[in-house]
Amino acid sequence: DIKAGTITFEKAAEANSDCPSKAK
């Protein structure tokens, strides 16, 4: 999805990451 440009890396991190850094 990131490669296709349907979502930014940052938004994808916020929505999917299991690391506390998702908040940033």
mmCIF file of all heavy atoms, coordinates in Angstrom:
data_MODEL
# 
_entry.id   MODEL 
# 
loop_
_atom_site.group_PDB 
_atom_site.id 
_atom_site.type_symbol 
_atom_site.label_atom_id 
_atom_site.label_alt_id 
_atom_site.label_comp_id 
_atom_site.label_asym_id 
_atom_site.label_entity_id 
_atom_site.label_seq_id 
_atom_site.pdbx_PDB_ins_code 
_atom_site.Cartn_x 
_atom_site.Cartn_y 
_atom_site.Cartn_z 
_atom_site.occupancy 
_atom_site.B_iso_or_equiv 
_atom_site.pdbx_formal_charge 
_atom_site.auth_seq_id 
_atom_site.auth_comp_id 
_atom_site.auth_asym_id 
_atom_site.auth_atom_id 
_atom_site.pdbx_PDB_model_num 
ATOM 1   N N   . ASP A 1 1  ? 0.827  -1.206 0.000  1.00 0.00 ? 1  ASP A N   1 
ATOM 2   C CA  . ASP A 1 1  ? 0.000  0.000  0.000  1.00 0.00 ? 1  ASP A CA  1 
ATOM 3   C C   . ASP A 1 1  ? 0.865  1.260  0.000  1.00 0.00 ? 1  ASP A C   1 
ATOM 4   O O   . ASP A 1 1  ? 0.544  2.244  -0.678 1.00 0.00 ? 1  ASP A O   1 
ATOM 5   C CB  . ASP A 1 1  ? -0.928 0.007  1.225  1.00 0.00 ? 1  ASP A CB  1 
ATOM 6   C CG  . ASP A 1 1  ? -2.031 -1.034 1.128  1.00 0.00 ? 1  ASP A CG  1 
ATOM 7   O OD1 . ASP A 1 1  ? -2.281 -1.535 0.013  1.00 0.00 ? 1  ASP A OD1 1 
ATOM 8   O OD2 . ASP A 1 1  ? -2.648 -1.336 2.166  1.00 0.00 ? 1  ASP A OD2 1 
ATOM 9   N N   . ILE A 1 2  ? 1.971  1.221  0.750  1.00 0.00 ? 2  ILE A N   1 
ATOM 10  C CA  . ILE A 1 2  ? 2.882  2.368  0.769  1.00 0.00 ? 2  ILE A CA  1 
ATOM 11  C C   . ILE A 1 2  ? 3.513  2.560  -0.603 1.00 0.00 ? 2  ILE A C   1 
ATOM 12  O O   . ILE A 1 2  ? 3.589  3.678  -1.127 1.00 0.00 ? 2  ILE A O   1 
ATOM 13  C CB  . ILE A 1 2  ? 3.974  2.165  1.847  1.00 0.00 ? 2  ILE A CB  1 
ATOM 14  C CG1 . ILE A 1 2  ? 3.355  2.189  3.246  1.00 0.00 ? 2  ILE A CG1 1 
ATOM 15  C CG2 . ILE A 1 2  ? 5.053  3.247  1.724  1.00 0.00 ? 2  ILE A CG2 1 
ATOM 16  C CD1 . ILE A 1 2  ? 4.323  1.785  4.340  1.00 0.00 ? 2  ILE A CD1 1 
ATOM 17  N N   . LYS A 1 3  ? 3.959  1.467  -1.190 1.00 0.00 ? 3  LYS A N   1 
ATOM 18  C CA  . LYS A 1 3  ? 4.590  1.535  -2.512 1.00 0.00 ? 3  LYS A CA  1 
ATOM 19  C C   . LYS A 1 3  ? 3.616  2.042  -3.570 1.00 0.00 ? 3  LYS A C   1 
ATOM 20  O O   . LYS A 1 3  ? 3.994  2.803  -4.474 1.00 0.00 ? 3  LYS A O   1 
ATOM 21  C CB  . LYS A 1 3  ? 5.115  0.156  -2.906 1.00 0.00 ? 3  LYS A CB  1 
ATOM 22  C CG  . LYS A 1 3  ? 5.907  0.150  -4.204 1.00 0.00 ? 3  LYS A CG  1 
ATOM 23  C CD  . LYS A 1 3  ? 6.504  -1.229 -4.475 1.00 0.00 ? 3  LYS A CD  1 
ATOM 24  C CE  . LYS A 1 3  ? 7.330  -1.219 -5.753 1.00 0.00 ? 3  LYS A CE  1 
ATOM 25  N NZ  . LYS A 1 3  ? 7.960  -2.551 -6.020 1.00 0.00 ? 3  LYS A NZ  1 
ATOM 26  N N   . ALA A 1 4  ? 2.345  1.653  -3.442 1.00 0.00 ? 4  ALA A N   1 
ATOM 27  C CA  . ALA A 1 4  ? 1.327  2.079  -4.416 1.00 0.00 ? 4  ALA A CA  1 
ATOM 28  C C   . ALA A 1 4  ? 0.883  3.520  -4.190 1.00 0.00 ? 4  ALA A C   1 
ATOM 29  O O   . ALA A 1 4  ? 0.193  4.095  -5.041 1.00 0.00 ? 4  ALA A O   1 
ATOM 30  C CB  . ALA A 1 4  ? 0.122  1.147  -4.336 1.00 0.00 ? 4  ALA A CB  1 
ATOM 31  N N   . GLY A 1 5  ? 1.265  4.106  -3.068 1.00 0.00 ? 5  GLY A N   1 
ATOM 32  C CA  . GLY A 1 5  ? 0.905  5.491  -2.784 1.00 0.00 ? 5  GLY A CA  1 
ATOM 33  C C   . GLY A 1 5  ? -0.492 5.665  -2.225 1.00 0.00 ? 5  GLY A C   1 
ATOM 34  O O   . GLY A 1 5  ? -0.990 6.792  -2.135 1.00 0.00 ? 5  GLY A O   1 
ATOM 35  N N   . THR A 1 6  ? -1.119 4.566  -1.795 1.00 0.00 ? 6  THR A N   1 
ATOM 36  C CA  . THR A 1 6  ? -2.473 4.681  -1.248 1.00 0.00 ? 6  THR A CA  1 
ATOM 37  C C   . THR A 1 6  ? -2.466 5.131  0.211  1.00 0.00 ? 6  THR A C   1 
ATOM 38  O O   . THR A 1 6  ? -3.510 5.497  0.753  1.00 0.00 ? 6  THR A O   1 
ATOM 39  C CB  . THR A 1 6  ? -3.225 3.346  -1.363 1.00 0.00 ? 6  THR A CB  1 
ATOM 40  O OG1 . THR A 1 6  ? -2.481 2.340  -0.663 1.00 0.00 ? 6  THR A OG1 1 
ATOM 41  C CG2 . THR A 1 6  ? -3.369 2.940  -2.825 1.00 0.00 ? 6  THR A CG2 1 
ATOM 42  N N   . ILE A 1 7  ? -1.296 5.107  0.842  1.00 0.00 ? 7  ILE A N   1 
ATOM 43  C CA  . ILE A 1 7  ? -1.149 5.578  2.210  1.00 0.00 ? 7  ILE A CA  1 
ATOM 44  C C   . ILE A 1 7  ? 0.293  5.997  2.414  1.00 0.00 ? 7  ILE A C   1 
ATOM 45  O O   . ILE A 1 7  ? 1.209  5.430  1.801  1.00 0.00 ? 7  ILE A O   1 
ATOM 46  C CB  . ILE A 1 7  ? -1.544 4.476  3.230  1.00 0.00 ? 7  ILE A CB  1 
ATOM 47  C CG1 . ILE A 1 7  ? -1.631 5.042  4.646  1.00 0.00 ? 7  ILE A CG1 1 
ATOM 48  C CG2 . ILE A 1 7  ? -0.565 3.301  3.171  1.00 0.00 ? 7  ILE A CG2 1 
ATOM 49  C CD1 . ILE A 1 7  ? -2.227 4.059  5.650  1.00 0.00 ? 7  ILE A CD1 1 
ATOM 50  N N   . THR A 1 8  ? 0.519  7.014  3.236  1.00 0.00 ? 8  THR A N   1 
ATOM 51  C CA  . THR A 1 8  ? 1.883  7.421  3.526  1.00 0.00 ? 8  THR A CA  1 
ATOM 52  C C   . THR A 1 8  ? 2.501  6.480  4.552  1.00 0.00 ? 8  THR A C   1 
ATOM 53  O O   . THR A 1 8  ? 1.796  5.783  5.291  1.00 0.00 ? 8  THR A O   1 
ATOM 54  C CB  . THR A 1 8  ? 1.935  8.849  4.094  1.00 0.00 ? 8  THR A CB  1 
ATOM 55  O OG1 . THR A 1 8  ? 1.281  8.873  5.384  1.00 0.00 ? 8  THR A OG1 1 
ATOM 56  C CG2 . THR A 1 8  ? 1.257  9.837  3.147  1.00 0.00 ? 8  THR A CG2 1 
ATOM 57  N N   . PHE A 1 9  ? 3.818  6.482  4.590  1.00 0.00 ? 9  PHE A N   1 
ATOM 58  C CA  . PHE A 1 9  ? 4.513  5.642  5.565  1.00 0.00 ? 9  PHE A CA  1 
ATOM 59  C C   . PHE A 1 9  ? 4.073  6.000  6.974  1.00 0.00 ? 9  PHE A C   1 
ATOM 60  O O   . PHE A 1 9  ? 3.800  5.116  7.801  1.00 0.00 ? 9  PHE A O   1 
ATOM 61  C CB  . PHE A 1 9  ? 6.026  5.834  5.428  1.00 0.00 ? 9  PHE A CB  1 
ATOM 62  C CG  . PHE A 1 9  ? 6.842  4.877  6.245  1.00 0.00 ? 9  PHE A CG  1 
ATOM 63  C CD1 . PHE A 1 9  ? 7.372  3.730  5.681  1.00 0.00 ? 9  PHE A CD1 1 
ATOM 64  C CD2 . PHE A 1 9  ? 7.080  5.109  7.606  1.00 0.00 ? 9  PHE A CD2 1 
ATOM 65  C CE1 . PHE A 1 9  ? 8.119  2.834  6.430  1.00 0.00 ? 9  PHE A CE1 1 
ATOM 66  C CE2 . PHE A 1 9  ? 7.820  4.224  8.368  1.00 0.00 ? 9  PHE A CE2 1 
ATOM 67  C CZ  . PHE A 1 9  ? 8.345  3.081  7.783  1.00 0.00 ? 9  PHE A CZ  1 
ATOM 68  N N   . GLU A 1 10 ? 3.977  7.301  7.246  1.00 0.00 ? 10 GLU A N   1 
ATOM 69  C CA  . GLU A 1 10 ? 3.647  7.755  8.593  1.00 0.00 ? 10 GLU A CA  1 
ATOM 70  C C   . GLU A 1 10 ? 2.237  7.324  9.012  1.00 0.00 ? 10 GLU A C   1 
ATOM 71  O O   . GLU A 1 10 ? 2.019  6.855  10.135 1.00 0.00 ? 10 GLU A O   1 
ATOM 72  C CB  . GLU A 1 10 ? 3.790  9.270  8.673  1.00 0.00 ? 10 GLU A CB  1 
ATOM 73  C CG  . GLU A 1 10 ? 5.226  9.776  8.541  1.00 0.00 ? 10 GLU A CG  1 
ATOM 74  C CD  . GLU A 1 10 ? 5.809  9.634  7.129  1.00 0.00 ? 10 GLU A CD  1 
ATOM 75  O OE1 . GLU A 1 10 ? 5.016  9.589  6.142  1.00 0.00 ? 10 GLU A OE1 1 
ATOM 76  O OE2 . GLU A 1 10 ? 7.048  9.568  7.001  1.00 0.00 ? 10 GLU A OE2 1 
ATOM 77  N N   . LYS A 1 11 ? 1.281  7.467  8.113  1.00 0.00 ? 11 LYS A N   1 
ATOM 78  C CA  . LYS A 1 11 ? -0.087 7.056  8.416  1.00 0.00 ? 11 LYS A CA  1 
ATOM 79  C C   . LYS A 1 11 ? -0.179 5.537  8.567  1.00 0.00 ? 11 LYS A C   1 
ATOM 80  O O   . LYS A 1 11 ? -0.924 5.028  9.414  1.00 0.00 ? 11 LYS A O   1 
ATOM 81  C CB  . LYS A 1 11 ? -1.036 7.538  7.319  1.00 0.00 ? 11 LYS A CB  1 
ATOM 82  C CG  . LYS A 1 11 ? -1.240 9.044  7.282  1.00 0.00 ? 11 LYS A CG  1 
ATOM 83  C CD  . LYS A 1 11 ? -1.942 9.542  8.540  1.00 0.00 ? 11 LYS A CD  1 
ATOM 84  C CE  . LYS A 1 11 ? -2.213 11.041 8.470  1.00 0.00 ? 11 LYS A CE  1 
ATOM 85  N NZ  . LYS A 1 11 ? -2.833 11.534 9.741  1.00 0.00 ? 11 LYS A NZ  1 
ATOM 86  N N   . ALA A 1 12 ? 0.592  4.819  7.760  1.00 0.00 ? 12 ALA A N   1 
ATOM 87  C CA  . ALA A 1 12 ? 0.608  3.359  7.861  1.00 0.00 ? 12 ALA A CA  1 
ATOM 88  C C   . ALA A 1 12 ? 1.181  2.918  9.203  1.00 0.00 ? 12 ALA A C   1 
ATOM 89  O O   . ALA A 1 12 ? 0.704  1.949  9.811  1.00 0.00 ? 12 ALA A O   1 
ATOM 90  C CB  . ALA A 1 12 ? 1.413  2.758  6.713  1.00 0.00 ? 12 ALA A CB  1 
ATOM 91  N N   . ALA A 1 13 ? 2.205  3.646  9.669  1.00 0.00 ? 13 ALA A N   1 
ATOM 92  C CA  . ALA A 1 13 ? 2.782  3.332  10.977 1.00 0.00 ? 13 ALA A CA  1 
ATOM 93  C C   . ALA A 1 13 ? 1.759  3.572  12.082 1.00 0.00 ? 13 ALA A C   1 
ATOM 94  O O   . ALA A 1 13 ? 1.587  2.735  12.982 1.00 0.00 ? 13 ALA A O   1 
ATOM 95  C CB  . ALA A 1 13 ? 4.033  4.166  11.213 1.00 0.00 ? 13 ALA A CB  1 
ATOM 96  N N   . GLU A 1 14 ? 1.085  4.699  12.020 1.00 0.00 ? 14 GLU A N   1 
ATOM 97  C CA  . GLU A 1 14 ? 0.082  5.020  13.039 1.00 0.00 ? 14 GLU A CA  1 
ATOM 98  C C   . GLU A 1 14 ? -1.018 3.964  13.091 1.00 0.00 ? 14 GLU A C   1 
ATOM 99  O O   . GLU A 1 14 ? -1.507 3.605  14.168 1.00 0.00 ? 14 GLU A O   1 
ATOM 100 C CB  . GLU A 1 14 ? -0.535 6.392  12.752 1.00 0.00 ? 14 GLU A CB  1 
ATOM 101 C CG  . GLU A 1 14 ? 0.419  7.563  12.944 1.00 0.00 ? 14 GLU A CG  1 
ATOM 102 C CD  . GLU A 1 14 ? -0.194 8.891  12.499 1.00 0.00 ? 14 GLU A CD  1 
ATOM 103 O OE1 . GLU A 1 14 ? -1.406 8.901  12.177 1.00 0.00 ? 14 GLU A OE1 1 
ATOM 104 O OE2 . GLU A 1 14 ? 0.528  9.900  12.480 1.00 0.00 ? 14 GLU A OE2 1 
ATOM 105 N N   . ALA A 1 15 ? -1.382 3.435  11.936 1.00 0.00 ? 15 ALA A N   1 
ATOM 106 C CA  . ALA A 1 15 ? -2.509 2.501  11.863 1.00 0.00 ? 15 ALA A CA  1 
ATOM 107 C C   . ALA A 1 15 ? -2.116 1.052  12.112 1.00 0.00 ? 15 ALA A C   1 
ATOM 108 O O   . ALA A 1 15 ? -2.962 0.245  12.537 1.00 0.00 ? 15 ALA A O   1 
ATOM 109 C CB  . ALA A 1 15 ? -3.174 2.612  10.493 1.00 0.00 ? 15 ALA A CB  1 
ATOM 110 N N   . ASN A 1 16 ? -0.840 0.703  11.877 1.00 0.00 ? 16 ASN A N   1 
ATOM 111 C CA  . ASN A 1 16 ? -0.487 -0.722 11.857 1.00 0.00 ? 16 ASN A CA  1 
ATOM 112 C C   . ASN A 1 16 ? 0.667  -1.144 12.757 1.00 0.00 ? 16 ASN A C   1 
ATOM 113 O O   . ASN A 1 16 ? 0.799  -2.331 13.064 1.00 0.00 ? 16 ASN A O   1 
ATOM 114 C CB  . ASN A 1 16 ? -0.142 -1.142 10.424 1.00 0.00 ? 16 ASN A CB  1 
ATOM 115 C CG  . ASN A 1 16 ? -1.298 -0.996 9.471  1.00 0.00 ? 16 ASN A CG  1 
ATOM 116 O OD1 . ASN A 1 16 ? -2.194 -1.835 9.431  1.00 0.00 ? 16 ASN A OD1 1 
ATOM 117 N ND2 . ASN A 1 16 ? -1.290 0.082  8.678  1.00 0.00 ? 16 ASN A ND2 1 
ATOM 118 N N   . SER A 1 17 ? 1.511  -0.214 13.169 1.00 0.00 ? 17 SER A N   1 
ATOM 119 C CA  . SER A 1 17 ? 2.717  -0.611 13.882 1.00 0.00 ? 17 SER A CA  1 
ATOM 120 C C   . SER A 1 17 ? 2.414  -1.027 15.318 1.00 0.00 ? 17 SER A C   1 
ATOM 121 O O   . SER A 1 17 ? 1.550  -0.454 15.984 1.00 0.00 ? 17 SER A O   1 
ATOM 122 C CB  . SER A 1 17 ? 3.734  0.526  13.893 1.00 0.00 ? 17 SER A CB  1 
ATOM 123 O OG  . SER A 1 17 ? 4.941  0.111  14.516 1.00 0.00 ? 17 SER A OG  1 
ATOM 124 N N   . ASP A 1 18 ? 3.163  -2.011 15.793 1.00 0.00 ? 18 ASP A N   1 
ATOM 125 C CA  . ASP A 1 18 ? 3.054  -2.467 17.178 1.00 0.00 ? 18 ASP A CA  1 
ATOM 126 C C   . ASP A 1 18 ? 4.111  -1.829 18.072 1.00 0.00 ? 18 ASP A C   1 
ATOM 127 O O   . ASP A 1 18 ? 4.233  -2.200 19.248 1.00 0.00 ? 18 ASP A O   1 
ATOM 128 C CB  . ASP A 1 18 ? 3.194  -3.995 17.240 1.00 0.00 ? 18 ASP A CB  1 
ATOM 129 C CG  . ASP A 1 18 ? 2.027  -4.711 16.585 1.00 0.00 ? 18 ASP A CG  1 
ATOM 130 O OD1 . ASP A 1 18 ? 0.891  -4.232 16.722 1.00 0.00 ? 18 ASP A OD1 1 
ATOM 131 O OD2 . ASP A 1 18 ? 2.260  -5.752 15.936 1.00 0.00 ? 18 ASP A OD2 1 
ATOM 132 N N   . CYS A 1 19 ? 4.868  -0.880 17.529 1.00 0.00 ? 19 CYS A N   1 
ATOM 133 C CA  . CYS A 1 19 ? 5.894  -0.192 18.306 1.00 0.00 ? 19 CYS A CA  1 
ATOM 134 C C   . CYS A 1 19 ? 5.327  1.126  18.850 1.00 0.00 ? 19 CYS A C   1 
ATOM 135 O O   . CYS A 1 19 ? 4.561  1.799  18.159 1.00 0.00 ? 19 CYS A O   1 
ATOM 136 C CB  . CYS A 1 19 ? 7.109  0.090  17.418 1.00 0.00 ? 19 CYS A CB  1 
ATOM 137 S SG  . CYS A 1 19 ? 8.438  1.001  18.254 1.00 0.00 ? 19 CYS A SG  1 
ATOM 138 N N   . PRO A 1 20 ? 5.701  1.523  20.078 1.00 0.00 ? 20 PRO A N   1 
ATOM 139 C CA  . PRO A 1 20 ? 5.233  2.803  20.611 1.00 0.00 ? 20 PRO A CA  1 
ATOM 140 C C   . PRO A 1 20 ? 5.559  4.006  19.719 1.00 0.00 ? 20 PRO A C   1 
ATOM 141 O O   . PRO A 1 20 ? 4.890  5.040  19.793 1.00 0.00 ? 20 PRO A O   1 
ATOM 142 C CB  . PRO A 1 20 ? 5.967  2.912  21.952 1.00 0.00 ? 20 PRO A CB  1 
ATOM 143 C CG  . PRO A 1 20 ? 6.212  1.498  22.355 1.00 0.00 ? 20 PRO A CG  1 
ATOM 144 C CD  . PRO A 1 20 ? 6.485  0.764  21.071 1.00 0.00 ? 20 PRO A CD  1 
ATOM 145 N N   . SER A 1 21 ? 6.566  3.840  18.836 1.00 0.00 ? 21 SER A N   1 
ATOM 146 C CA  . SER A 1 21 ? 6.925  4.933  17.928 1.00 0.00 ? 21 SER A CA  1 
ATOM 147 C C   . SER A 1 21 ? 5.807  5.256  16.938 1.00 0.00 ? 21 SER A C   1 
ATOM 148 O O   . SER A 1 21 ? 5.870  6.264  16.237 1.00 0.00 ? 21 SER A O   1 
ATOM 149 C CB  . SER A 1 21 ? 8.204  4.589  17.157 1.00 0.00 ? 21 SER A CB  1 
ATOM 150 O OG  . SER A 1 21 ? 7.997  3.471  16.303 1.00 0.00 ? 21 SER A OG  1 
ATOM 151 N N   . LYS A 1 22 ? 4.759  4.421  16.884 1.00 0.00 ? 22 LYS A N   1 
ATOM 152 C CA  . LYS A 1 22 ? 3.634  4.673  15.985 1.00 0.00 ? 22 LYS A CA  1 
ATOM 153 C C   . LYS A 1 22 ? 3.009  6.037  16.247 1.00 0.00 ? 22 LYS A C   1 
ATOM 154 O O   . LYS A 1 22 ? 2.486  6.664  15.330 1.00 0.00 ? 22 LYS A O   1 
ATOM 155 C CB  . LYS A 1 22 ? 2.577  3.586  16.149 1.00 0.00 ? 22 LYS A CB  1 
ATOM 156 C CG  . LYS A 1 22 ? 1.901  3.542  17.524 1.00 0.00 ? 22 LYS A CG  1 
ATOM 157 C CD  . LYS A 1 22 ? 0.997  2.340  17.702 1.00 0.00 ? 22 LYS A CD  1 
ATOM 158 C CE  . LYS A 1 22 ? -0.210 2.398  16.808 1.00 0.00 ? 22 LYS A CE  1 
ATOM 159 N NZ  . LYS A 1 22 ? -1.112 1.260  17.006 1.00 0.00 ? 22 LYS A NZ  1 
ATOM 160 N N   . ALA A 1 23 ? 3.088  6.484  17.487 1.00 0.00 ? 23 ALA A N   1 
ATOM 161 C CA  . ALA A 1 23 ? 2.497  7.782  17.837 1.00 0.00 ? 23 ALA A CA  1 
ATOM 162 C C   . ALA A 1 23 ? 3.208  8.929  17.123 1.00 0.00 ? 23 ALA A C   1 
ATOM 163 O O   . ALA A 1 23 ? 2.640  10.020 16.968 1.00 0.00 ? 23 ALA A O   1 
ATOM 164 C CB  . ALA A 1 23 ? 2.555  7.990  19.347 1.00 0.00 ? 23 ALA A CB  1 
ATOM 165 N N   . LYS A 1 24 ? 4.440  8.673  16.675 1.00 0.00 ? 24 LYS A N   1 
ATOM 166 C CA  . LYS A 1 24 ? 5.224  9.688  15.943 1.00 0.00 ? 24 LYS A CA  1 
ATOM 167 C C   . LYS A 1 24 ? 5.423  9.265  14.495 1.00 0.00 ? 24 LYS A C   1 
ATOM 168 O O   . LYS A 1 24 ? 6.427  9.625  13.877 1.00 0.00 ? 24 LYS A O   1 
ATOM 169 C CB  . LYS A 1 24 ? 6.566  9.896  16.634 1.00 0.00 ? 24 LYS A CB  1 
ATOM 170 C CG  . LYS A 1 24 ? 6.473  10.385 18.072 1.00 0.00 ? 24 LYS A CG  1 
ATOM 171 C CD  . LYS A 1 24 ? 7.829  10.618 18.699 1.00 0.00 ? 24 LYS A CD  1 
ATOM 172 C CE  . LYS A 1 24 ? 8.574  9.316  18.910 1.00 0.00 ? 24 LYS A CE  1 
ATOM 173 N NZ  . LYS A 1 24 ? 9.890  9.530  19.591 1.00 0.00 ? 24 LYS A NZ  1 
# 
